[in-house]
């Protein structure tokens, strides 16, 4: 099943996990919306520096450290995804609690591992 996924913290740097995740999500046939603080490309995907208002986002996968997430709290909640994945190093109790209060599932996991093990 295609799970529309917004990658927050996307980078055009090929050694970054956010970049690898965008490519792997596409390999697994998920629609990817990369959002980052610098414009660039990941394969054929344009990194969006102005966070788009999207509908039907299934998953937001985070690649931003907690100190940079607060600026996106309202945006994340407005998208109302089914779940948020906190990749290693992005764990944030405040955002997790806010999301849970809005009925959004939160998971502390690695998107890459979830994809490879069929848990995505």
PDB file of N, CA and C in Angstrom:
ATOM      1  N   UNK A   1       0.837  -1.183   0.000  1.00  0.00           N
ATOM      2  CA  UNK A   1       0.000   0.000   0.000  1.00  0.00           C
ATOM      3  C   UNK A   1       0.886   1.252   0.000  1.00  0.00           C
ATOM      4  N   UNK A   2       0.594   2.193  -0.896  1.00  0.00           N
ATOM      5  CA  UNK A   2       1.331   3.444  -0.984  1.00  0.00           C
ATOM      6  C   UNK A   2       0.979   4.324   0.218  1.00  0.00           C
ATOM      7  N   UNK A   3       1.987   4.650   1.017  1.00  0.00           N
ATOM      8  CA  UNK A   3       1.786   5.515   2.181  1.00  0.00           C
ATOM      9  C   UNK A   3       2.470   6.839   1.885  1.00  0.00           C
ATOM     10  N   UNK A   4       1.660   7.871   1.580  1.00  0.00           N
ATOM     11  CA  UNK A   4       2.220   9.202   1.307  1.00  0.00           C
ATOM     12  C   UNK A   4       3.036   9.646   2.511  1.00  0.00           C
ATOM     13  N   UNK A   5       4.310   9.893   2.271  1.00  0.00           N
ATOM     14  CA  UNK A   5       5.243  10.178   3.355  1.00  0.00           C
ATOM     15  C   UNK A   5       5.926  11.519   3.153  1.00  0.00           C
ATOM     16  N   UNK A   6       5.848  12.353   4.175  1.00  0.00           N
ATOM     17  CA  UNK A   6       6.562  13.620   4.177  1.00  0.00           C
ATOM     18  C   UNK A   6       7.848  13.420   4.975  1.00  0.00           C
ATOM     19  N   UNK A   7       8.971  13.693   4.342  1.00  0.00           N
ATOM     20  CA  UNK A   7      10.279  13.549   4.983  1.00  0.00           C
ATOM     21  C   UNK A   7      10.700  14.949   5.432  1.00  0.00           C
ATOM     22  N   UNK A   8      10.667  15.183   6.735  1.00  0.00           N
ATOM     23  CA  UNK A   8      11.003  16.491   7.278  1.00  0.00           C
ATOM     24  C   UNK A   8      12.463  16.492   7.714  1.00  0.00           C
ATOM     25  N   UNK A   9      13.247  17.356   7.039  1.00  0.00           N
ATOM     26  CA  UNK A   9      14.689  17.375   7.268  1.00  0.00           C
ATOM     27  C   UNK A   9      15.425  16.759   6.085  1.00  0.00           C
ATOM     28  N   UNK A  10      14.770  16.752   4.918  1.00  0.00           N
ATOM     29  CA  UNK A  10      15.355  16.157   3.719  1.00  0.00           C
ATOM     30  C   UNK A  10      16.608  16.925   3.293  1.00  0.00           C
ATOM     31  N   UNK A  11      17.603  16.187   2.799  1.00  0.00           N
ATOM     32  CA  UNK A  11      18.873  16.775   2.381  1.00  0.00           C
ATOM     33  C   UNK A  11      19.308  16.200   1.037  1.00  0.00           C
ATOM     34  N   UNK A  12      19.921  17.056   0.218  1.00  0.00           N
ATOM     35  CA  UNK A  12      20.439  16.583  -1.070  1.00  0.00           C
ATOM     36  C   UNK A  12      21.790  15.872  -0.897  1.00  0.00           C
ATOM     37  N   UNK A  13      22.342  15.915   0.303  1.00  0.00           N
ATOM     38  CA  UNK A  13      23.609  15.236   0.601  1.00  0.00           C
ATOM     39  C   UNK A  13      23.360  13.724   0.627  1.00  0.00           C
ATOM     40  N   UNK A  14      23.984  13.018  -0.298  1.00  0.00           N
ATOM     41  CA  UNK A  14      23.706  11.580  -0.461  1.00  0.00           C
ATOM     42  C   UNK A  14      24.151  10.724   0.722  1.00  0.00           C
ATOM     43  N   UNK A  15      24.986  11.255   1.604  1.00  0.00           N
ATOM     44  CA  UNK A  15      25.415  10.479   2.765  1.00  0.00           C
ATOM     45  C   UNK A  15      24.462  10.642   3.960  1.00  0.00           C
ATOM     46  N   UNK A  16      23.462  11.528   3.839  1.00  0.00           N
ATOM     47  CA  UNK A  16      22.525  11.755   4.941  1.00  0.00           C
ATOM     48  C   UNK A  16      21.405  10.702   4.899  1.00  0.00           C
ATOM     49  N   UNK A  17      20.988  10.293   6.094  1.00  0.00           N
ATOM     50  CA  UNK A  17      19.938   9.272   6.173  1.00  0.00           C
ATOM     51  C   UNK A  17      18.618   9.751   5.570  1.00  0.00           C
ATOM     52  N   UNK A  18      18.340  11.044   5.659  1.00  0.00           N
ATOM     53  CA  UNK A  18      17.093  11.549   5.067  1.00  0.00           C
ATOM     54  C   UNK A  18      17.098  11.340   3.559  1.00  0.00           C
ATOM     55  N   UNK A  19      18.248  11.510   2.935  1.00  0.00           N
ATOM     56  CA  UNK A  19      18.377  11.313   1.501  1.00  0.00           C
ATOM     57  C   UNK A  19      18.178   9.839   1.150  1.00  0.00           C
ATOM     58  N   UNK A  20      18.839   8.980   1.904  1.00  0.00           N
ATOM     59  CA  UNK A  20      18.715   7.531   1.685  1.00  0.00           C
ATOM     60  C   UNK A  20      17.264   7.097   1.890  1.00  0.00           C
ATOM     61  N   UNK A  21      16.610   7.654   2.909  1.00  0.00           N
ATOM     62  CA  UNK A  21      15.208   7.293   3.189  1.00  0.00           C
ATOM     63  C   UNK A  21      14.296   7.700   2.039  1.00  0.00           C
ATOM     64  N   UNK A  22      14.492   8.893   1.482  1.00  0.00           N
ATOM     65  CA  UNK A  22      13.651   9.328   0.353  1.00  0.00           C
ATOM     66  C   UNK A  22      13.765   8.345  -0.809  1.00  0.00           C
ATOM     67  N   UNK A  23      14.993   7.945  -1.114  1.00  0.00           N
ATOM     68  CA  UNK A  23      15.207   7.001  -2.218  1.00  0.00           C
ATOM     69  C   UNK A  23      14.600   5.630  -1.913  1.00  0.00           C
ATOM     70  N   UNK A  24      14.803   5.171  -0.682  1.00  0.00           N
ATOM     71  CA  UNK A  24      14.286   3.853  -0.325  1.00  0.00           C
ATOM     72  C   UNK A  24      12.752   3.849  -0.279  1.00  0.00           C
ATOM     73  N   UNK A  25      12.166   4.925   0.218  1.00  0.00           N
ATOM     74  CA  UNK A  25      10.697   5.016   0.218  1.00  0.00           C
ATOM     75  C   UNK A  25      10.163   4.896  -1.205  1.00  0.00           C
ATOM     76  N   UNK A  26      10.821   5.549  -2.147  1.00  0.00           N
ATOM     77  CA  UNK A  26      10.399   5.445  -3.546  1.00  0.00           C
ATOM     78  C   UNK A  26      10.572   4.021  -4.070  1.00  0.00           C
ATOM     79  N   UNK A  27      11.684   3.381  -3.703  1.00  0.00           N
ATOM     80  CA  UNK A  27      11.904   1.990  -4.122  1.00  0.00           C
ATOM     81  C   UNK A  27      10.775   1.088  -3.644  1.00  0.00           C
ATOM     82  N   UNK A  28      10.229   1.402  -2.467  1.00  0.00           N
ATOM     83  CA  UNK A  28       9.135   0.618  -1.903  1.00  0.00           C
ATOM     84  C   UNK A  28       7.768   1.164  -2.323  1.00  0.00           C
ATOM     85  N   UNK A  29       7.768   2.030  -3.336  1.00  0.00           N
ATOM     86  CA  UNK A  29       6.546   2.531  -3.977  1.00  0.00           C
ATOM     87  C   UNK A  29       5.681   3.413  -3.087  1.00  0.00           C
ATOM     88  N   UNK A  30       6.323   4.234  -2.256  1.00  0.00           N
ATOM     89  CA  UNK A  30       5.604   5.216  -1.461  1.00  0.00           C
ATOM     90  C   UNK A  30       5.810   6.587  -2.097  1.00  0.00           C
ATOM     91  N   UNK A  31       4.780   7.417  -2.070  1.00  0.00           N
ATOM     92  CA  UNK A  31       4.888   8.794  -2.545  1.00  0.00           C
ATOM     93  C   UNK A  31       5.678   9.579  -1.502  1.00  0.00           C
ATOM     94  N   UNK A  32       6.670  10.331  -1.944  1.00  0.00           N
ATOM     95  CA  UNK A  32       7.562  11.047  -1.038  1.00  0.00           C
ATOM     96  C   UNK A  32       7.469  12.551  -1.272  1.00  0.00           C
ATOM     97  N   UNK A  33       7.310  13.290  -0.183  1.00  0.00           N
ATOM     98  CA  UNK A  33       7.331  14.752  -0.218  1.00  0.00           C
ATOM     99  C   UNK A  33       8.507  15.188   0.661  1.00  0.00           C
ATOM    100  N   UNK A  34       9.652  15.564   0.046  1.00  0.00           N
ATOM    101  CA  UNK A  34      10.816  15.959   0.835  1.00  0.00           C
ATOM    102  C   UNK A  34      10.767  17.446   1.196  1.00  0.00           C
ATOM    103  N   UNK A  35      10.908  17.741   2.491  1.00  0.00           N
ATOM    104  CA  UNK A  35      10.915  19.119   2.968  1.00  0.00           C
ATOM    105  C   UNK A  35      12.224  19.339   3.716  1.00  0.00           C
ATOM    106  N   UNK A  36      12.945  20.374   3.347  1.00  0.00           N
ATOM    107  CA  UNK A  36      14.223  20.657   3.987  1.00  0.00           C
ATOM    108  C   UNK A  36      14.468  22.145   4.089  1.00  0.00           C
ATOM    109  N   UNK A  37      15.590  22.529   4.690  1.00  0.00           N
ATOM    110  CA  UNK A  37      15.878  23.955   4.835  1.00  0.00           C
ATOM    111  C   UNK A  37      16.746  24.499   3.703  1.00  0.00           C
ATOM    112  N   UNK A  38      17.200  23.620   2.799  1.00  0.00           N
ATOM    113  CA  UNK A  38      17.951  24.058   1.621  1.00  0.00           C
ATOM    114  C   UNK A  38      17.352  23.398   0.391  1.00  0.00           C
ATOM    115  N   UNK A  39      17.193  24.180  -0.673  1.00  0.00           N
ATOM    116  CA  UNK A  39      16.669  23.600  -1.906  1.00  0.00           C
ATOM    117  C   UNK A  39      17.709  22.673  -2.511  1.00  0.00           C
ATOM    118  N   UNK A  40      17.242  21.780  -3.326  1.00  0.00           N
ATOM    119  CA  UNK A  40      18.109  20.799  -3.966  1.00  0.00           C
ATOM    120  C   UNK A  40      17.260  19.667  -4.499  1.00  0.00           C
ATOM    121  N   UNK A  41      17.918  18.606  -4.900  1.00  0.00           N
ATOM    122  CA  UNK A  41      17.194  17.455  -5.443  1.00  0.00           C
ATOM    123  C   UNK A  41      17.692  16.174  -4.794  1.00  0.00           C
ATOM    124  N   UNK A  42      16.770  15.230  -4.722  1.00  0.00           N
ATOM    125  CA  UNK A  42      17.084  13.864  -4.325  1.00  0.00           C
ATOM    126  C   UNK A  42      16.556  13.017  -5.472  1.00  0.00           C
ATOM    127  N   UNK A  43      17.452  12.598  -6.344  1.00  0.00           N
ATOM    128  CA  UNK A  43      17.001  11.910  -7.555  1.00  0.00           C
ATOM    129  C   UNK A  43      16.156  12.875  -8.367  1.00  0.00           C
ATOM    130  N   UNK A  44      14.908  12.488  -8.646  1.00  0.00           N
ATOM    131  CA  UNK A  44      14.012  13.367  -9.407  1.00  0.00           C
ATOM    132  C   UNK A  44      13.095  14.196  -8.503  1.00  0.00           C
ATOM    133  N   UNK A  45      13.287  14.097  -7.187  1.00  0.00           N
ATOM    134  CA  UNK A  45      12.461  14.842  -6.241  1.00  0.00           C
ATOM    135  C   UNK A  45      13.079  16.192  -5.915  1.00  0.00           C
ATOM    136  N   UNK A  46      12.271  17.223  -5.953  1.00  0.00           N
ATOM    137  CA  UNK A  46      12.695  18.566  -5.573  1.00  0.00           C
ATOM    138  C   UNK A  46      12.479  18.737  -4.074  1.00  0.00           C
ATOM    139  N   UNK A  47      13.508  19.150  -3.349  1.00  0.00           N
ATOM    140  CA  UNK A  47      13.346  19.412  -1.915  1.00  0.00           C
ATOM    141  C   UNK A  47      12.618  20.737  -1.764  1.00  0.00           C
ATOM    142  N   UNK A  48      11.537  20.714  -1.011  1.00  0.00           N
ATOM    143  CA  UNK A  48      10.720  21.904  -0.809  1.00  0.00           C
ATOM    144  C   UNK A  48      11.192  22.646   0.434  1.00  0.00           C
ATOM    145  N   UNK A  49      11.490  23.937   0.295  1.00  0.00           N
ATOM    146  CA  UNK A  49      11.927  24.718   1.444  1.00  0.00           C
ATOM    147  C   UNK A  49      10.753  25.432   2.106  1.00  0.00           C
ATOM    148  N   UNK A  50       9.674  25.605   1.373  1.00  0.00           N
ATOM    149  CA  UNK A  50       8.436  26.120   1.952  1.00  0.00           C
ATOM    150  C   UNK A  50       7.546  24.907   2.169  1.00  0.00           C
ATOM    151  N   UNK A  51       7.297  24.553   3.431  1.00  0.00           N
ATOM    152  CA  UNK A  51       6.496  23.349   3.705  1.00  0.00           C
ATOM    153  C   UNK A  51       5.107  23.440   3.048  1.00  0.00           C
ATOM    154  N   UNK A  52       4.786  22.492   2.190  1.00  0.00           N
ATOM    155  CA  UNK A  52       3.502  22.526   1.491  1.00  0.00           C
ATOM    156  C   UNK A  52       2.366  22.027   2.392  1.00  0.00           C
ATOM    157  N   UNK A  53       1.183  22.573   2.145  1.00  0.00           N
ATOM    158  CA  UNK A  53      -0.005  22.048   2.823  1.00  0.00           C
ATOM    159  C   UNK A  53      -0.487  20.885   1.959  1.00  0.00           C
ATOM    160  N   UNK A  54      -0.331  19.709   2.478  1.00  0.00           N
ATOM    161  CA  UNK A  54      -0.678  18.483   1.751  1.00  0.00           C
ATOM    162  C   UNK A  54      -1.864  17.815   2.413  1.00  0.00           C
ATOM    163  N   UNK A  55      -2.575  17.051   1.643  1.00  0.00           N
ATOM    164  CA  UNK A  55      -3.684  16.261   2.179  1.00  0.00           C
ATOM    165  C   UNK A  55      -3.289  14.792   2.135  1.00  0.00           C
ATOM    166  N   UNK A  56      -3.900  14.023   2.995  1.00  0.00           N
ATOM    167  CA  UNK A  56      -3.715  12.569   2.988  1.00  0.00           C
ATOM    168  C   UNK A  56      -2.267  12.136   3.201  1.00  0.00           C
ATOM    169  N   UNK A  57      -1.586  12.805   4.127  1.00  0.00           N
ATOM    170  CA  UNK A  57      -0.240  12.359   4.506  1.00  0.00           C
ATOM    171  C   UNK A  57      -0.418  11.201   5.480  1.00  0.00           C
ATOM    172  N   UNK A  58       0.130  10.065   5.137  1.00  0.00           N
ATOM    173  CA  UNK A  58       0.043   8.917   6.032  1.00  0.00           C
ATOM    174  C   UNK A  58       1.093   9.021   7.135  1.00  0.00           C
ATOM    175  N   UNK A  59       2.331   9.315   6.738  1.00  0.00           N
ATOM    176  CA  UNK A  59       3.450   9.300   7.676  1.00  0.00           C
ATOM    177  C   UNK A  59       4.320  10.537   7.498  1.00  0.00           C
ATOM    178  N   UNK A  60       4.752  11.092   8.625  1.00  0.00           N
ATOM    179  CA  UNK A  60       5.829  12.077   8.621  1.00  0.00           C
ATOM    180  C   UNK A  60       7.011  11.382   9.270  1.00  0.00           C
ATOM    181  N   UNK A  61       8.134  11.347   8.571  1.00  0.00           N
ATOM    182  CA  UNK A  61       9.335  10.762   9.142  1.00  0.00           C
ATOM    183  C   UNK A  61      10.324  11.894   9.385  1.00  0.00           C
ATOM    184  N   UNK A  62      10.776  11.999  10.625  1.00  0.00           N
ATOM    185  CA  UNK A  62      11.587  13.131  11.051  1.00  0.00           C
ATOM    186  C   UNK A  62      13.083  12.867  10.963  1.00  0.00           C
ATOM    187  N   UNK A  63      13.779  13.844  10.374  1.00  0.00           N
ATOM    188  CA  UNK A  63      15.240  13.854  10.331  1.00  0.00           C
ATOM    189  C   UNK A  63      15.741  15.225  10.779  1.00  0.00           C
ATOM    190  N   UNK A  64      15.063  15.799  11.767  1.00  0.00           N
ATOM    191  CA  UNK A  64      15.452  17.085  12.354  1.00  0.00           C
ATOM    192  C   UNK A  64      15.716  16.866  13.822  1.00  0.00           C
ATOM    193  N   UNK A  65      16.779  17.463  14.348  1.00  0.00           N
ATOM    194  CA  UNK A  65      17.014  17.295  15.771  1.00  0.00           C
ATOM    195  C   UNK A  65      15.939  18.059  16.552  1.00  0.00           C
ATOM    196  N   UNK A  66      15.662  17.650  17.783  1.00  0.00           N
ATOM    197  CA  UNK A  66      14.560  18.219  18.552  1.00  0.00           C
ATOM    198  C   UNK A  66      14.563  19.747  18.652  1.00  0.00           C
ATOM    199  N   UNK A  67      15.727  20.382  18.724  1.00  0.00           N
ATOM    200  CA  UNK A  67      15.774  21.842  18.847  1.00  0.00           C
ATOM    201  C   UNK A  67      15.259  22.549  17.595  1.00  0.00           C
ATOM    202  N   UNK A  68      15.266  21.870  16.462  1.00  0.00           N
ATOM    203  CA  UNK A  68      14.780  22.470  15.205  1.00  0.00           C
ATOM    204  C   UNK A  68      13.340  22.080  14.890  1.00  0.00           C
ATOM    205  N   UNK A  69      12.774  21.156  15.665  1.00  0.00           N
ATOM    206  CA  UNK A  69      11.415  20.679  15.387  1.00  0.00           C
ATOM    207  C   UNK A  69      10.331  21.656  15.814  1.00  0.00           C
ATOM    208  N   UNK A  70      10.584  22.405  16.891  1.00  0.00           N
ATOM    209  CA  UNK A  70       9.526  23.244  17.459  1.00  0.00           C
ATOM    210  C   UNK A  70       8.909  24.189  16.431  1.00  0.00           C
ATOM    211  N   UNK A  71       9.702  24.711  15.527  1.00  0.00           N
ATOM    212  CA  UNK A  71       9.200  25.612  14.492  1.00  0.00           C
ATOM    213  C   UNK A  71       8.175  24.922  13.578  1.00  0.00           C
ATOM    214  N   UNK A  72       8.160  23.598  13.588  1.00  0.00           N
ATOM    215  CA  UNK A  72       7.257  22.831  12.710  1.00  0.00           C
ATOM    216  C   UNK A  72       6.076  22.201  13.449  1.00  0.00           C
ATOM    217  N   UNK A  73       5.980  22.378  14.760  1.00  0.00           N
ATOM    218  CA  UNK A  73       4.908  21.714  15.523  1.00  0.00           C
ATOM    219  C   UNK A  73       3.530  21.970  14.913  1.00  0.00           C
ATOM    220  N   UNK A  74       3.175  23.233  14.704  1.00  0.00           N
ATOM    221  CA  UNK A  74       1.840  23.567  14.175  1.00  0.00           C
ATOM    222  C   UNK A  74       1.647  22.974  12.787  1.00  0.00           C
ATOM    223  N   UNK A  75       2.688  23.037  11.966  1.00  0.00           N
ATOM    224  CA  UNK A  75       2.627  22.488  10.619  1.00  0.00           C
ATOM    225  C   UNK A  75       2.361  20.983  10.646  1.00  0.00           C
ATOM    226  N   UNK A  76       3.116  20.281  11.475  1.00  0.00           N
ATOM    227  CA  UNK A  76       2.973  18.828  11.583  1.00  0.00           C
ATOM    228  C   UNK A  76       1.560  18.460  12.031  1.00  0.00           C
ATOM    229  N   UNK A  77       1.068  19.147  13.051  1.00  0.00           N
ATOM    230  CA  UNK A  77      -0.280  18.846  13.560  1.00  0.00           C
ATOM    231  C   UNK A  77      -1.346  19.186  12.531  1.00  0.00           C
ATOM    232  N   UNK A  78      -1.155  20.264  11.766  1.00  0.00           N
ATOM    233  CA  UNK A  78      -2.128  20.662  10.736  1.00  0.00           C
ATOM    234  C   UNK A  78      -2.222  19.624   9.620  1.00  0.00           C
ATOM    235  N   UNK A  79      -1.117  18.946   9.333  1.00  0.00           N
ATOM    236  CA  UNK A  79      -1.145  17.901   8.298  1.00  0.00           C
ATOM    237  C   UNK A  79      -1.930  16.674   8.757  1.00  0.00           C
ATOM    238  N   UNK A  80      -2.038  16.509  10.070  1.00  0.00           N
ATOM    239  CA  UNK A  80      -2.794  15.403  10.658  1.00  0.00           C
ATOM    240  C   UNK A  80      -2.434  14.035  10.047  1.00  0.00           C
ATOM    241  N   UNK A  81      -1.148  13.682  10.114  1.00  0.00           N
ATOM    242  CA  UNK A  81      -0.768  12.368   9.577  1.00  0.00           C
ATOM    243  C   UNK A  81      -1.284  11.251  10.480  1.00  0.00           C
ATOM    244  N   UNK A  82      -1.296  10.030   9.963  1.00  0.00           N
ATOM    245  CA  UNK A  82      -1.668   8.896  10.803  1.00  0.00           C
ATOM    246  C   UNK A  82      -0.574   8.590  11.809  1.00  0.00           C
ATOM    247  N   UNK A  83       0.711   8.838  11.404  1.00  0.00           N
ATOM    248  CA  UNK A  83       1.793   8.548  12.341  1.00  0.00           C
ATOM    249  C   UNK A  83       2.990   9.443  12.064  1.00  0.00           C
ATOM    250  N   UNK A  84       3.823   9.558  13.094  1.00  0.00           N
ATOM    251  CA  UNK A  84       5.100  10.259  13.005  1.00  0.00           C
ATOM    252  C   UNK A  84       6.176   9.270  13.426  1.00  0.00           C
ATOM    253  N   UNK A  85       7.203   9.157  12.612  1.00  0.00           N
ATOM    254  CA  UNK A  85       8.339   8.310  12.964  1.00  0.00           C
ATOM    255  C   UNK A  85       9.476   9.216  13.438  1.00  0.00           C
ATOM    256  N   UNK A  86       9.900   8.999  14.669  1.00  0.00           N
ATOM    257  CA  UNK A  86      11.053   9.697  15.223  1.00  0.00           C
ATOM    258  C   UNK A  86      12.268   8.811  14.978  1.00  0.00           C
ATOM    259  N   UNK A  87      13.054   9.163  13.969  1.00  0.00           N
ATOM    260  CA  UNK A  87      14.269   8.415  13.668  1.00  0.00           C
ATOM    261  C   UNK A  87      15.294   8.673  14.768  1.00  0.00           C
ATOM    262  N   UNK A  88      16.303   7.793  14.915  1.00  0.00           N
ATOM    263  CA  UNK A  88      17.296   7.972  15.981  1.00  0.00           C
ATOM    264  C   UNK A  88      17.868   9.393  16.001  1.00  0.00           C
ATOM    265  N   UNK A  89      17.860   9.995  17.180  1.00  0.00           N
ATOM    266  CA  UNK A  89      18.357  11.355  17.350  1.00  0.00           C
ATOM    267  C   UNK A  89      17.299  12.429  17.218  1.00  0.00           C
ATOM    268  N   UNK A  90      16.072  12.036  16.853  1.00  0.00           N
ATOM    269  CA  UNK A  90      15.001  13.023  16.680  1.00  0.00           C
ATOM    270  C   UNK A  90      13.929  12.910  17.760  1.00  0.00           C
ATOM    271  N   UNK A  91      14.115  12.012  18.705  1.00  0.00           N
ATOM    272  CA  UNK A  91      13.111  11.765  19.733  1.00  0.00           C
ATOM    273  C   UNK A  91      12.779  13.074  20.449  1.00  0.00           C
ATOM    274  N   UNK A  92      11.468  13.321  20.647  1.00  0.00           N
ATOM    275  CA  UNK A  92      11.022  14.583  21.238  1.00  0.00           C
ATOM    276  C   UNK A  92       9.746  14.328  22.039  1.00  0.00           C
ATOM    277  N   UNK A  93       9.860  14.330  23.348  1.00  0.00           N
ATOM    278  CA  UNK A  93       8.721  14.027  24.221  1.00  0.00           C
ATOM    279  C   UNK A  93       7.582  15.034  24.018  1.00  0.00           C
ATOM    280  N   UNK A  94       7.922  16.307  23.878  1.00  0.00           N
ATOM    281  CA  UNK A  94       6.896  17.343  23.716  1.00  0.00           C
ATOM    282  C   UNK A  94       6.083  17.116  22.447  1.00  0.00           C
ATOM    283  N   UNK A  95       6.757  16.928  21.323  1.00  0.00           N
ATOM    284  CA  UNK A  95       6.054  16.701  20.060  1.00  0.00           C
ATOM    285  C   UNK A  95       5.273  15.393  20.109  1.00  0.00           C
ATOM    286  N   UNK A  96       5.850  14.375  20.703  1.00  0.00           N
ATOM    287  CA  UNK A  96       5.174  13.089  20.804  1.00  0.00           C
ATOM    288  C   UNK A  96       3.870  13.231  21.596  1.00  0.00           C
ATOM    289  N   UNK A  97       3.916  13.948  22.713  1.00  0.00           N
ATOM    290  CA  UNK A  97       2.705  14.151  23.522  1.00  0.00           C
ATOM    291  C   UNK A  97       1.662  14.954  22.757  1.00  0.00           C
ATOM    292  N   UNK A  98       2.095  16.023  22.092  1.00  0.00           N
ATOM    293  CA  UNK A  98       1.163  16.833  21.300  1.00  0.00           C
ATOM    294  C   UNK A  98       0.498  15.978  20.224  1.00  0.00           C
ATOM    295  N   UNK A  99       1.298  15.199  19.531  1.00  0.00           N
ATOM    296  CA  UNK A  99       0.770  14.348  18.460  1.00  0.00           C
ATOM    297  C   UNK A  99      -0.244  13.354  19.022  1.00  0.00           C
ATOM    298  N   UNK A 100       0.101  12.705  20.119  1.00  0.00           N
ATOM    299  CA  UNK A 100      -0.805  11.731  20.733  1.00  0.00           C
ATOM    300  C   UNK A 100      -2.119  12.378  21.150  1.00  0.00           C
ATOM    301  N   UNK A 101      -2.051  13.603  21.668  1.00  0.00           N
ATOM    302  CA  UNK A 101      -3.273  14.333  22.047  1.00  0.00           C
ATOM    303  C   UNK A 101      -4.160  14.619  20.837  1.00  0.00           C
ATOM    304  N   UNK A 102      -3.555  14.670  19.650  1.00  0.00           N
ATOM    305  CA  UNK A 102      -4.302  14.900  18.410  1.00  0.00           C
ATOM    306  C   UNK A 102      -4.623  13.589  17.685  1.00  0.00           C
ATOM    307  N   UNK A 103      -4.428  12.468  18.348  1.00  0.00           N
ATOM    308  CA  UNK A 103      -4.762  11.173  17.764  1.00  0.00           C
ATOM    309  C   UNK A 103      -3.766  10.667  16.735  1.00  0.00           C
ATOM    310  N   UNK A 104      -2.547  11.186  16.779  1.00  0.00           N
ATOM    311  CA  UNK A 104      -1.509  10.773  15.837  1.00  0.00           C
ATOM    312  C   UNK A 104      -0.584   9.778  16.533  1.00  0.00           C
ATOM    313  N   UNK A 105      -0.408   8.630  15.901  1.00  0.00           N
ATOM    314  CA  UNK A 105       0.493   7.606  16.446  1.00  0.00           C
ATOM    315  C   UNK A 105       1.938   8.084  16.325  1.00  0.00           C
ATOM    316  N   UNK A 106       2.741   7.813  17.347  1.00  0.00           N
ATOM    317  CA  UNK A 106       4.162   8.147  17.282  1.00  0.00           C
ATOM    318  C   UNK A 106       4.980   6.885  17.508  1.00  0.00           C
ATOM    319  N   UNK A 107       6.076   6.797  16.761  1.00  0.00           N
ATOM    320  CA  UNK A 107       6.947   5.631  16.830  1.00  0.00           C
ATOM    321  C   UNK A 107       8.393   6.120  16.893  1.00  0.00           C
ATOM    322  N   UNK A 108       9.175   5.569  17.803  1.00  0.00           N
ATOM    323  CA  UNK A 108      10.615   5.810  17.816  1.00  0.00           C
ATOM    324  C   UNK A 108      11.244   4.617  17.119  1.00  0.00           C
ATOM    325  N   UNK A 109      11.678   4.846  15.885  1.00  0.00           N
ATOM    326  CA  UNK A 109      12.194   3.744  15.071  1.00  0.00           C
ATOM    327  C   UNK A 109      13.018   4.331  13.932  1.00  0.00           C
ATOM    328  N   UNK A 110      13.599   3.457  13.149  1.00  0.00           N
ATOM    329  CA  UNK A 110      14.360   3.862  11.974  1.00  0.00           C
ATOM    330  C   UNK A 110      13.553   3.515  10.721  1.00  0.00           C
ATOM    331  N   UNK A 111      13.252   4.541   9.930  1.00  0.00           N
ATOM    332  CA  UNK A 111      12.478   4.332   8.703  1.00  0.00           C
ATOM    333  C   UNK A 111      13.132   3.284   7.801  1.00  0.00           C
ATOM    334  N   UNK A 112      14.460   3.339   7.681  1.00  0.00           N
ATOM    335  CA  UNK A 112      15.169   2.392   6.802  1.00  0.00           C
ATOM    336  C   UNK A 112      14.969   0.956   7.272  1.00  0.00           C
ATOM    337  N   UNK A 113      15.099   0.729   8.571  1.00  0.00           N
ATOM    338  CA  UNK A 113      14.915  -0.615   9.123  1.00  0.00           C
ATOM    339  C   UNK A 113      13.458  -1.046   8.954  1.00  0.00           C
ATOM    340  N   UNK A 114      12.524  -0.139   9.217  1.00  0.00           N
ATOM    341  CA  UNK A 114      11.101  -0.478   9.065  1.00  0.00           C
ATOM    342  C   UNK A 114      10.801  -0.922   7.638  1.00  0.00           C
ATOM    343  N   UNK A 115      11.335  -0.210   6.658  1.00  0.00           N
ATOM    344  CA  UNK A 115      11.113  -0.581   5.256  1.00  0.00           C
ATOM    345  C   UNK A 115      11.704  -1.958   4.954  1.00  0.00           C
ATOM    346  N   UNK A 116      12.947  -2.169   5.352  1.00  0.00           N
ATOM    347  CA  UNK A 116      13.639  -3.423   5.056  1.00  0.00           C
ATOM    348  C   UNK A 116      13.003  -4.631   5.720  1.00  0.00           C
ATOM    349  N   UNK A 117      12.371  -4.417   6.881  1.00  0.00           N
ATOM    350  CA  UNK A 117      11.806  -5.538   7.629  1.00  0.00           C
ATOM    351  C   UNK A 117      10.295  -5.684   7.438  1.00  0.00           C
ATOM    352  N   UNK A 118       9.723  -4.904   6.511  1.00  0.00           N
ATOM    353  CA  UNK A 118       8.303  -5.014   6.224  1.00  0.00           C
ATOM    354  C   UNK A 118       7.393  -4.435   7.303  1.00  0.00           C
ATOM    355  N   UNK A 119       7.928  -3.572   8.179  1.00  0.00           N
ATOM    356  CA  UNK A 119       7.122  -2.968   9.223  1.00  0.00           C
ATOM    357  C   UNK A 119       6.588  -1.593   8.867  1.00  0.00           C
ATOM    358  N   UNK A 120       6.927  -1.112   7.675  1.00  0.00           N
ATOM    359  CA  UNK A 120       6.514   0.232   7.290  1.00  0.00           C
ATOM    360  C   UNK A 120       5.039   0.214   6.933  1.00  0.00           C
TER     361      UNK A 120
END
